[in-house]
PDB file of N, CA and C in Angstrom:
ATOM      1  N   MET A   1     102.007 -34.767  40.174  1.00  0.00           N
ATOM      2  CA  MET A   1     101.201 -36.110  39.568  1.00  0.00           C
ATOM      3  C   MET A   1     100.970 -37.060  40.326  1.00  0.00           C
ATOM      4  N   GLY A   2     101.451 -36.755  41.869  1.00  0.00           N
ATOM      5  CA  GLY A   2     101.691 -37.992  42.955  1.00  0.00           C
ATOM      6  C   GLY A   2     100.331 -37.265  43.890  1.00  0.00           C
ATOM      7  N   LEU A   3      99.947 -36.296  44.228  1.00  0.00           N
ATOM      8  CA  LEU A   3      98.844 -35.184  44.396  1.00  0.00           C
ATOM      9  C   LEU A   3      97.345 -35.813  43.844  1.00  0.00           C
ATOM     10  N   ILE A   4      97.345 -35.644  42.541  1.00  0.00           N
ATOM     11  CA  ILE A   4      96.203 -36.148  42.160  1.00  0.00           C
ATOM     12  C   ILE A   4      95.837 -37.339  42.293  1.00  0.00           C
ATOM     13  N   ARG A   5      96.765 -38.066  42.538  1.00  0.00           N
ATOM     14  CA  ARG A   5      96.991 -39.819  42.569  1.00  0.00           C
ATOM     15  C   ARG A   5      96.455 -39.895  43.970  1.00  0.00           C
ATOM     16  N   GLY A   6      96.820 -39.212  45.033  1.00  0.00           N
ATOM     17  CA  GLY A   6      95.917 -39.240  46.285  1.00  0.00           C
ATOM     18  C   GLY A   6      95.336 -38.776  47.068  1.00  0.00           C
ATOM     19  N   VAL A   7      94.735 -37.636  45.890  1.00  0.00           N
ATOM     20  CA  VAL A   7      93.459 -37.101  46.614  1.00  0.00           C
ATOM     21  C   VAL A   7      91.818 -38.194  45.716  1.00  0.00           C
ATOM     22  N   ALA A   8      92.379 -38.755  44.353  1.00  0.00           N
ATOM     23  CA  ALA A   8      92.194 -38.854  43.910  1.00  0.00           C
ATOM     24  C   ALA A   8      91.181 -40.516  44.617  1.00  0.00           C
ATOM     25  N   ARG A   9      92.609 -41.144  45.589  1.00  0.00           N
ATOM     26  CA  ARG A   9      92.520 -42.514  45.748  1.00  0.00           C
ATOM     27  C   ARG A   9      91.506 -41.910  47.156  1.00  0.00           C
ATOM     28  N   THR A  10      92.140 -41.375  47.672  1.00  0.00           N
ATOM     29  CA  THR A  10      90.729 -40.650  49.177  1.00  0.00           C
ATOM     30  C   THR A  10      89.394 -40.522  48.724  1.00  0.00           C
ATOM     31  N   ALA A  11      89.586 -40.002  47.632  1.00  0.00           N
ATOM     32  CA  ALA A  11      88.282 -39.926  47.063  1.00  0.00           C
ATOM     33  C   ALA A  11      87.343 -41.247  47.052  1.00  0.00           C
ATOM     34  N   VAL A  12      88.160 -42.070  46.109  1.00  0.00           N
ATOM     35  CA  VAL A  12      87.744 -43.535  46.274  1.00  0.00           C
ATOM     36  C   VAL A  12      87.039 -44.183  47.263  1.00  0.00           C
ATOM     37  N   VAL A  13      88.003 -44.288  48.458  1.00  0.00           N
ATOM     38  CA  VAL A  13      87.987 -44.424  49.236  1.00  0.00           C
ATOM     39  C   VAL A  13      86.722 -43.950  50.105  1.00  0.00           C
ATOM     40  N   ALA A  14      86.650 -42.677  50.085  1.00  0.00           N
ATOM     41  CA  ALA A  14      85.947 -42.049  51.141  1.00  0.00           C
ATOM     42  C   ALA A  14      83.833 -42.712  50.332  1.00  0.00           C
ATOM     43  N   GLY A  15      84.381 -42.718  48.995  1.00  0.00           N
ATOM     44  CA  GLY A  15      82.806 -43.196  48.311  1.00  0.00           C
ATOM     45  C   GLY A  15      82.418 -44.216  48.570  1.00  0.00           C
ATOM     46  N   THR A  16      83.619 -45.428  48.663  1.00  0.00           N
ATOM     47  CA  THR A  16      83.329 -46.693  48.715  1.00  0.00           C
ATOM     48  C   THR A  16      82.081 -46.808  50.551  1.00  0.00           C
ATOM     49  N   ALA A  17      83.374 -46.205  51.359  1.00  0.00           N
ATOM     50  CA  ALA A  17      82.895 -46.112  52.714  1.00  0.00           C
ATOM     51  C   ALA A  17      81.396 -45.578  52.953  1.00  0.00           C
ATOM     52  N   THR A  18      81.026 -44.868  52.469  1.00  0.00           N
ATOM     53  CA  THR A  18      79.710 -44.465  52.302  1.00  0.00           C
ATOM     54  C   THR A  18      78.566 -44.927  51.763  1.00  0.00           C
ATOM     55  N   ALA A  19      78.908 -45.464  50.725  1.00  0.00           N
ATOM     56  CA  ALA A  19      77.922 -46.565  49.939  1.00  0.00           C
ATOM     57  C   ALA A  19      77.548 -47.785  50.912  1.00  0.00           C
ATOM     58  N   VAL A  20      79.110 -48.367  51.252  1.00  0.00           N
ATOM     59  CA  VAL A  20      78.612 -49.450  52.523  1.00  0.00           C
ATOM     60  C   VAL A  20      77.943 -49.025  53.810  1.00  0.00           C
ATOM     61  N   SER A  21      78.140 -47.841  54.372  1.00  0.00           N
ATOM     62  CA  SER A  21      77.408 -47.299  55.145  1.00  0.00           C
ATOM     63  C   SER A  21      76.352 -47.037  54.673  1.00  0.00           C
ATOM     64  N   ASN A  22      75.841 -46.954  53.755  1.00  0.00           N
ATOM     65  CA  ASN A  22      74.308 -46.239  53.454  1.00  0.00           C
ATOM     66  C   ASN A  22      73.579 -47.818  53.524  1.00  0.00           C
ATOM     67  N   ARG A  23      73.861 -48.247  52.532  1.00  0.00           N
ATOM     68  CA  ARG A  23      73.302 -50.262  52.480  1.00  0.00           C
ATOM     69  C   ARG A  23      73.073 -50.610  53.543  1.00  0.00           C
ATOM     70  N   VAL A  24      74.449 -50.887  54.764  1.00  0.00           N
ATOM     71  CA  VAL A  24      74.104 -51.145  56.407  1.00  0.00           C
ATOM     72  C   VAL A  24      73.021 -50.677  56.712  1.00  0.00           C
ATOM     73  N   SER A  25      72.693 -49.139  56.647  1.00  0.00           N
ATOM     74  CA  SER A  25      71.812 -48.324  57.657  1.00  0.00           C
ATOM     75  C   SER A  25      70.422 -49.049  57.082  1.00  0.00           C
ATOM     76  N   ARG A  26      70.527 -48.657  55.714  1.00  0.00           N
ATOM     77  CA  ARG A  26      69.015 -49.425  55.349  1.00  0.00           C
ATOM     78  C   ARG A  26      68.836 -50.793  55.791  1.00  0.00           C
ATOM     79  N   ARG A  27      69.599 -51.641  55.483  1.00  0.00           N
ATOM     80  CA  ARG A  27      69.745 -52.958  55.405  1.00  0.00           C
ATOM     81  C   ARG A  27      68.712 -53.238  57.298  1.00  0.00           C
ATOM     82  N   GLN A  28      69.437 -52.349  58.159  1.00  0.00           N
ATOM     83  CA  GLN A  28      69.209 -52.427  59.454  1.00  0.00           C
ATOM     84  C   GLN A  28      67.948 -51.964  59.479  1.00  0.00           C
ATOM     85  N   ALA A  29      67.448 -50.538  58.603  1.00  0.00           N
ATOM     86  CA  ALA A  29      66.180 -49.828  59.121  1.00  0.00           C
ATOM     87  C   ALA A  29      65.072 -50.713  58.536  1.00  0.00           C
ATOM     88  N   GLY A  30      65.307 -51.874  57.623  1.00  0.00           N
ATOM     89  CA  GLY A  30      64.014 -53.017  57.344  1.00  0.00           C
ATOM     90  C   GLY A  30      64.369 -53.741  58.357  1.00  0.00           C
ATOM     91  N   ARG A  31      65.777 -54.230  58.969  1.00  0.00           N
ATOM     92  CA  ARG A  31      65.354 -55.222  59.842  1.00  0.00           C
ATOM     93  C   ARG A  31      64.179 -54.912  61.329  1.00  0.00           C
ATOM     94  N   TRP A  32      64.831 -53.554  61.798  1.00  0.00           N
ATOM     95  CA  TRP A  32      64.150 -53.023  62.593  1.00  0.00           C
ATOM     96  C   TRP A  32      62.262 -52.716  62.605  1.00  0.00           C
ATOM     97  N   ALA A  33      62.002 -52.638  61.305  1.00  0.00           N
ATOM     98  CA  ALA A  33      60.412 -52.411  60.977  1.00  0.00           C
ATOM     99  C   ALA A  33      60.095 -53.632  60.696  1.00  0.00           C
ATOM    100  N   ALA A  34      61.097 -54.890  60.200  1.00  0.00           N
ATOM    101  CA  ALA A  34      60.089 -56.035  60.190  1.00  0.00           C
ATOM    102  C   ALA A  34      60.428 -56.866  61.772  1.00  0.00           C
ATOM    103  N   GLN A  35      60.717 -56.070  63.003  1.00  0.00           N
ATOM    104  CA  GLN A  35      60.507 -56.639  63.960  1.00  0.00           C
ATOM    105  C   GLN A  35      59.824 -55.922  64.636  1.00  0.00           C
ATOM    106  N   GLU A  36      59.033 -54.679  64.383  1.00  0.00           N
ATOM    107  CA  GLU A  36      57.860 -53.879  64.893  1.00  0.00           C
ATOM    108  C   GLU A  36      56.452 -54.558  64.498  1.00  0.00           C
ATOM    109  N   GLU A  37      56.612 -55.245  63.051  1.00  0.00           N
ATOM    110  CA  GLU A  37      55.272 -55.586  62.354  1.00  0.00           C
ATOM    111  C   GLU A  37      55.069 -56.890  63.252  1.00  0.00           C
ATOM    112  N   PRO A  38      53.797 -57.033  63.737  1.00  0.00           N
ATOM    113  CA  PRO A  38      53.792 -58.379  64.801  1.00  0.00           C
ATOM    114  C   PRO A  38      53.378 -59.381  63.851  1.00  0.00           C
ATOM    115  N   PRO A  39      54.263 -60.820  64.344  1.00  0.00           N
ATOM    116  CA  PRO A  39      54.531 -61.946  63.814  1.00  0.00           C
ATOM    117  C   PRO A  39      53.169 -62.424  63.401  1.00  0.00           C
ATOM    118  N   PRO A  40      53.118 -63.348  61.873  1.00  0.00           N
ATOM    119  CA  PRO A  40      52.225 -64.171  61.650  1.00  0.00           C
ATOM    120  C   PRO A  40      52.280 -65.238  63.073  1.00  0.00           C
ATOM    121  N   GLN A  41      50.555 -65.331  62.958  1.00  0.00           N
ATOM    122  CA  GLN A  41      50.286 -66.676  64.227  1.00  0.00           C
ATOM    123  C   GLN A  41      50.743 -67.876  63.544  1.00  0.00           C
ATOM    124  N   GLN A  42      51.671 -68.670  64.247  1.00  0.00           N
ATOM    125  CA  GLN A  42      52.073 -70.245  63.996  1.00  0.00           C
ATOM    126  C   GLN A  42      51.918 -70.464  64.866  1.00  0.00           C
ATOM    127  N   ALA A  43      51.987 -72.221  64.861  1.00  0.00           N
ATOM    128  CA  ALA A  43      52.328 -72.819  65.812  1.00  0.00           C
ATOM    129  C   ALA A  43      53.619 -72.937  66.415  1.00  0.00           C
ATOM    130  N   PRO A  44      54.001 -73.195  67.805  1.00  0.00           N
ATOM    131  CA  PRO A  44      55.065 -72.868  68.306  1.00  0.00           C
ATOM    132  C   PRO A  44      55.642 -74.386  67.895  1.00  0.00           C
ATOM    133  N   GLN A  45      57.411 -73.451  67.810  1.00  0.00           N
ATOM    134  CA  GLN A  45      58.038 -74.592  67.073  1.00  0.00           C
ATOM    135  C   GLN A  45      58.692 -75.621  68.366  1.00  0.00           C
ATOM    136  N   PRO A  46      59.017 -77.316  68.199  1.00  0.00           N
ATOM    137  CA  PRO A  46      59.168 -77.568  69.663  1.00  0.00           C
ATOM    138  C   PRO A  46      60.928 -76.971  69.741  1.00  0.00           C
ATOM    139  N   THR A  47      60.824 -76.799  70.825  1.00  0.00           N
ATOM    140  CA  THR A  47      62.162 -76.561  71.203  1.00  0.00           C
ATOM    141  C   THR A  47      63.133 -77.806  71.760  1.00  0.00           C
ATOM    142  N   TYR A  48      64.550 -78.276  71.378  1.00  0.00           N
ATOM    143  CA  TYR A  48      65.211 -79.512  72.270  1.00  0.00           C
ATOM    144  C   TYR A  48      66.697 -78.422  72.986  1.00  0.00           C
ATOM    145  N   ALA A  49      66.186 -79.459  73.759  1.00  0.00           N
ATOM    146  CA  ALA A  49      67.472 -79.091  74.967  1.00  0.00           C
ATOM    147  C   ALA A  49      69.250 -79.596  74.154  1.00  0.00           C
ATOM    148  N   ALA A  50      70.111 -78.751  74.490  1.00  0.00           N
ATOM    149  CA  ALA A  50      71.018 -78.924  73.836  1.00  0.00           C
ATOM    150  C   ALA A  50      72.253 -79.513  74.522  1.00  0.00           C
ATOM    151  N   PRO A  51      72.537 -80.589  73.968  1.00  0.00           N
ATOM    152  CA  PRO A  51      73.292 -81.654  74.783  1.00  0.00           C
ATOM    153  C   PRO A  51      74.280 -81.563  76.039  1.00  0.00           C
ATOM    154  N   PRO A  52      74.776 -81.857  76.732  1.00  0.00           N
ATOM    155  CA  PRO A  52      75.333 -81.682  77.871  1.00  0.00           C
ATOM    156  C   PRO A  52      77.048 -81.785  77.073  1.00  0.00           C
ATOM    157  N   PRO A  53      77.902 -80.771  78.065  1.00  0.00           N
ATOM    158  CA  PRO A  53      78.762 -80.881  77.352  1.00  0.00           C
ATOM    159  C   PRO A  53      80.005 -81.897  77.986  1.00  0.00           C
ATOM    160  N   ALA A  54      80.683 -82.189  76.728  1.00  0.00           N
ATOM    161  CA  ALA A  54      81.422 -83.504  77.002  1.00  0.00           C
ATOM    162  C   ALA A  54      82.204 -83.049  78.514  1.00  0.00           C
ATOM    163  N   PRO A  55      82.720 -83.952  79.134  1.00  0.00           N
ATOM    164  CA  PRO A  55      83.214 -83.588  80.623  1.00  0.00           C
ATOM    165  C   PRO A  55      84.697 -83.319  79.691  1.00  0.00           C
ATOM    166  N   ALA A  56      85.131 -82.324  80.738  1.00  0.00           N
ATOM    167  CA  ALA A  56      86.740 -82.394  80.124  1.00  0.00           C
ATOM    168  C   ALA A  56      87.819 -83.356  80.453  1.00  0.00           C
ATOM    169  N   GLN A  57      88.968 -83.840  79.643  1.00  0.00           N
ATOM    170  CA  GLN A  57      89.535 -84.499  80.079  1.00  0.00           C
ATOM    171  C   GLN A  57      91.223 -83.740  80.607  1.00  0.00           C
ATOM    172  N   ALA A  58      91.517 -84.428  81.608  1.00  0.00           N
ATOM    173  CA  ALA A  58      92.911 -83.919  81.664  1.00  0.00           C
ATOM    174  C   ALA A  58      93.990 -84.693  80.757  1.00  0.00           C
ATOM    175  N   PRO A  59      94.866 -83.884  80.540  1.00  0.00           N
ATOM    176  CA  PRO A  59      96.230 -84.226  78.959  1.00  0.00           C
ATOM    177  C   PRO A  59      96.740 -85.157  80.020  1.00  0.00           C
ATOM    178  N   THR A  60      97.201 -86.094  79.071  1.00  0.00           N
ATOM    179  CA  THR A  60      97.752 -87.384  79.567  1.00  0.00           C
ATOM    180  C   THR A  60      98.970 -87.472  78.867  1.00  0.00           C
ATOM    181  N   GLY A  61     100.249 -88.307  79.433  1.00  0.00           N
ATOM    182  CA  GLY A  61     101.294 -88.528  78.886  1.00  0.00           C
ATOM    183  C   GLY A  61     101.853 -87.384  78.023  1.00  0.00           C
ATOM    184  N   MET A  62     102.609 -87.214  77.298  1.00  0.00           N
ATOM    185  CA  MET A  62     103.297 -86.365  76.370  1.00  0.00           C
ATOM    186  C   MET A  62     102.252 -84.970  76.456  1.00  0.00           C
ATOM    187  N   ASP A  63     100.687 -84.576  76.492  1.00  0.00           N
ATOM    188  CA  ASP A  63     100.629 -83.774  76.503  1.00  0.00           C
ATOM    189  C   ASP A  63     100.632 -82.979  77.699  1.00  0.00           C
ATOM    190  N   ALA A  64     100.608 -83.791  78.739  1.00  0.00           N
ATOM    191  CA  ALA A  64     100.917 -83.343  80.353  1.00  0.00           C
ATOM    192  C   ALA A  64     102.265 -82.547  80.199  1.00  0.00           C
ATOM    193  N   LYS A  65     102.968 -83.297  79.538  1.00  0.00           N
ATOM    194  CA  LYS A  65     104.618 -83.069  79.691  1.00  0.00           C
ATOM    195  C   LYS A  65     104.981 -81.654  78.996  1.00  0.00           C
ATOM    196  N   ILE A  66     104.179 -81.597  78.068  1.00  0.00           N
ATOM    197  CA  ILE A  66     104.622 -80.110  77.120  1.00  0.00           C
ATOM    198  C   ILE A  66     103.521 -79.198  77.700  1.00  0.00           C
ATOM    199  N   ALA A  67     102.453 -79.274  78.467  1.00  0.00           N
ATOM    200  CA  ALA A  67     101.671 -78.312  79.112  1.00  0.00           C
ATOM    201  C   ALA A  67     102.404 -78.003  80.088  1.00  0.00           C
ATOM    202  N   GLN A  68     103.478 -78.841  81.290  1.00  0.00           N
ATOM    203  CA  GLN A  68     103.942 -78.254  82.282  1.00  0.00           C
ATOM    204  C   GLN A  68     105.380 -77.798  81.945  1.00  0.00           C
ATOM    205  N   LEU A  69     105.983 -78.229  80.740  1.00  0.00           N
ATOM    206  CA  LEU A  69     107.141 -77.255  80.307  1.00  0.00           C
ATOM    207  C   LEU A  69     106.677 -76.213  80.435  1.00  0.00           C
ATOM    208  N   THR A  70     106.090 -75.906  79.468  1.00  0.00           N
ATOM    209  CA  THR A  70     105.327 -74.544  78.882  1.00  0.00           C
ATOM    210  C   THR A  70     105.058 -73.909  80.178  1.00  0.00           C
ATOM    211  N   GLN A  71     104.586 -73.992  80.972  1.00  0.00           N
ATOM    212  CA  GLN A  71     104.191 -73.418  82.388  1.00  0.00           C
ATOM    213  C   GLN A  71     105.663 -72.960  82.645  1.00  0.00           C
ATOM    214  N   LEU A  72     106.824 -73.825  82.653  1.00  0.00           N
ATOM    215  CA  LEU A  72     108.127 -73.921  83.391  1.00  0.00           C
ATOM    216  C   LEU A  72     109.021 -72.459  82.668  1.00  0.00           C
ATOM    217  N   GLY A  73     108.406 -72.563  81.266  1.00  0.00           N
ATOM    218  CA  GLY A  73     109.323 -72.042  80.401  1.00  0.00           C
ATOM    219  C   GLY A  73     108.715 -70.019  80.774  1.00  0.00           C
ATOM    220  N   THR A  74     107.566 -70.327  81.020  1.00  0.00           N
ATOM    221  CA  THR A  74     106.772 -68.788  80.917  1.00  0.00           C
ATOM    222  C   THR A  74     107.250 -68.247  82.568  1.00  0.00           C
ATOM    223  N   LEU A  75     107.649 -69.796  83.800  1.00  0.00           N
ATOM    224  CA  LEU A  75     108.218 -68.878  84.661  1.00  0.00           C
ATOM    225  C   LEU A  75     108.950 -68.151  84.629  1.00  0.00           C
ATOM    226  N   ARG A  76     110.120 -69.025  83.758  1.00  0.00           N
ATOM    227  CA  ARG A  76     111.501 -68.230  83.879  1.00  0.00           C
ATOM    228  C   ARG A  76     111.412 -67.282  83.122  1.00  0.00           C
ATOM    229  N   ASP A  77     110.647 -67.835  82.315  1.00  0.00           N
ATOM    230  CA  ASP A  77     110.917 -65.615  80.996  1.00  0.00           C
ATOM    231  C   ASP A  77     110.652 -64.971  82.817  1.00  0.00           C
ATOM    232  N   GLN A  78     109.062 -65.440  83.410  1.00  0.00           N
ATOM    233  CA  GLN A  78     109.363 -64.177  83.839  1.00  0.00           C
ATOM    234  C   GLN A  78     109.896 -63.670  85.317  1.00  0.00           C
ATOM    235  N   GLY A  79     111.255 -64.627  85.591  1.00  0.00           N
ATOM    236  CA  GLY A  79     111.790 -64.578  86.253  1.00  0.00           C
ATOM    237  C   GLY A  79     111.752 -65.350  87.608  1.00  0.00           C
ATOM    238  N   VAL A  80     110.412 -65.848  88.043  1.00  0.00           N
ATOM    239  CA  VAL A  80     110.305 -66.945  88.746  1.00  0.00           C
ATOM    240  C   VAL A  80     110.919 -67.910  88.947  1.00  0.00           C
ATOM    241  N   LEU A  81     111.489 -68.345  88.533  1.00  0.00           N
ATOM    242  CA  LEU A  81     112.546 -69.230  88.315  1.00  0.00           C
ATOM    243  C   LEU A  81     113.463 -68.944  87.705  1.00  0.00           C
ATOM    244  N   SER A  82     114.776 -69.769  88.755  1.00  0.00           N
ATOM    245  CA  SER A  82     115.996 -69.374  87.695  1.00  0.00           C
ATOM    246  C   SER A  82     116.216 -70.650  86.921  1.00  0.00           C
ATOM    247  N   PRO A  83     117.453 -70.304  85.929  1.00  0.00           N
ATOM    248  CA  PRO A  83     117.916 -71.408  84.748  1.00  0.00           C
ATOM    249  C   PRO A  83     118.104 -72.771  85.357  1.00  0.00           C
ATOM    250  N   ALA A  84     118.601 -72.329  86.588  1.00  0.00           N
ATOM    251  CA  ALA A  84     119.140 -73.825  87.086  1.00  0.00           C
ATOM    252  C   ALA A  84     117.714 -74.944  87.766  1.00  0.00           C
ATOM    253  N   GLU A  85     116.760 -73.896  88.379  1.00  0.00           N
ATOM    254  CA  GLU A  85     115.933 -74.491  89.018  1.00  0.00           C
ATOM    255  C   GLU A  85     114.927 -74.692  87.439  1.00  0.00           C
ATOM    256  N   PHE A  86     115.136 -74.118  86.537  1.00  0.00           N
ATOM    257  CA  PHE A  86     114.046 -74.329  85.682  1.00  0.00           C
ATOM    258  C   PHE A  86     114.686 -75.678  85.107  1.00  0.00           C
ATOM    259  N   GLU A  87     115.936 -76.549  84.980  1.00  0.00           N
ATOM    260  CA  GLU A  87     116.569 -77.243  84.797  1.00  0.00           C
ATOM    261  C   GLU A  87     116.613 -78.135  85.040  1.00  0.00           C
ATOM    262  N   ALA A  88     116.381 -78.368  86.868  1.00  0.00           N
ATOM    263  CA  ALA A  88     116.131 -79.383  87.619  1.00  0.00           C
ATOM    264  C   ALA A  88     114.390 -80.027  87.135  1.00  0.00           C
ATOM    265  N   GLN A  89     113.293 -78.906  87.056  1.00  0.00           N
ATOM    266  CA  GLN A  89     112.105 -79.167  86.767  1.00  0.00           C
ATOM    267  C   GLN A  89     112.057 -79.580  85.670  1.00  0.00           C
ATOM    268  N   LYS A  90     112.526 -79.607  84.461  1.00  0.00           N
ATOM    269  CA  LYS A  90     112.217 -79.937  83.089  1.00  0.00           C
ATOM    270  C   LYS A  90     113.273 -81.420  83.393  1.00  0.00           C
ATOM    271  N   ALA A  91     113.927 -82.146  83.862  1.00  0.00           N
ATOM    272  CA  ALA A  91     114.742 -83.177  84.299  1.00  0.00           C
ATOM    273  C   ALA A  91     113.615 -83.867  84.718  1.00  0.00           C
ATOM    274  N   GLN A  92     113.308 -83.403  85.938  1.00  0.00           N
ATOM    275  CA  GLN A  92     112.530 -84.315  86.870  1.00  0.00           C
ATOM    276  C   GLN A  92     110.971 -84.611  85.603  1.00  0.00           C
ATOM    277  N   ILE A  93     110.301 -83.613  84.928  1.00  0.00           N
ATOM    278  CA  ILE A  93     109.408 -83.831  84.419  1.00  0.00           C
ATOM    279  C   ILE A  93     109.699 -84.819  83.217  1.00  0.00           C
ATOM    280  N   LEU A  94     110.299 -84.746  82.228  1.00  0.00           N
ATOM    281  CA  LEU A  94     110.896 -85.866  81.370  1.00  0.00           C
ATOM    282  C   LEU A  94     111.246 -87.206  82.171  1.00  0.00           C
ATOM    283  N   ALA A  95     111.938 -87.381  83.203  1.00  0.00           N
ATOM    284  CA  ALA A  95     112.242 -88.721  83.509  1.00  0.00           C
ATOM    285  C   ALA A  95     110.789 -89.085  83.902  1.00  0.00           C
ATOM    286  N   GLY A  96     109.815 -88.461  84.655  1.00  0.00           N
ATOM    287  CA  GLY A  96     108.786 -89.052  85.259  1.00  0.00           C
ATOM    288  C   GLY A  96     107.210 -89.210  84.222  1.00  0.00           C
TER     289      GLY A  96
END
């Protein structure tokens, strides 16, 4: 009973994958055919420049402290800082 169910499930999955693959292939062939045809003559569309990116702001206050503590934790986990050094630096950050 279990063997038949497994074979049936495999057949359904394979059939679904084949159907999806064929649909994607037909859609892509249609897109390629559309690209090969010369586009109809239209007036050029105006292009607009994207707005400049907002200047990156340095984290301040609690965000900066959290970022520093996260870096310290990473250094401690990597073995760069000893637990005593980590605690000293953590106290300095939290006090400052």
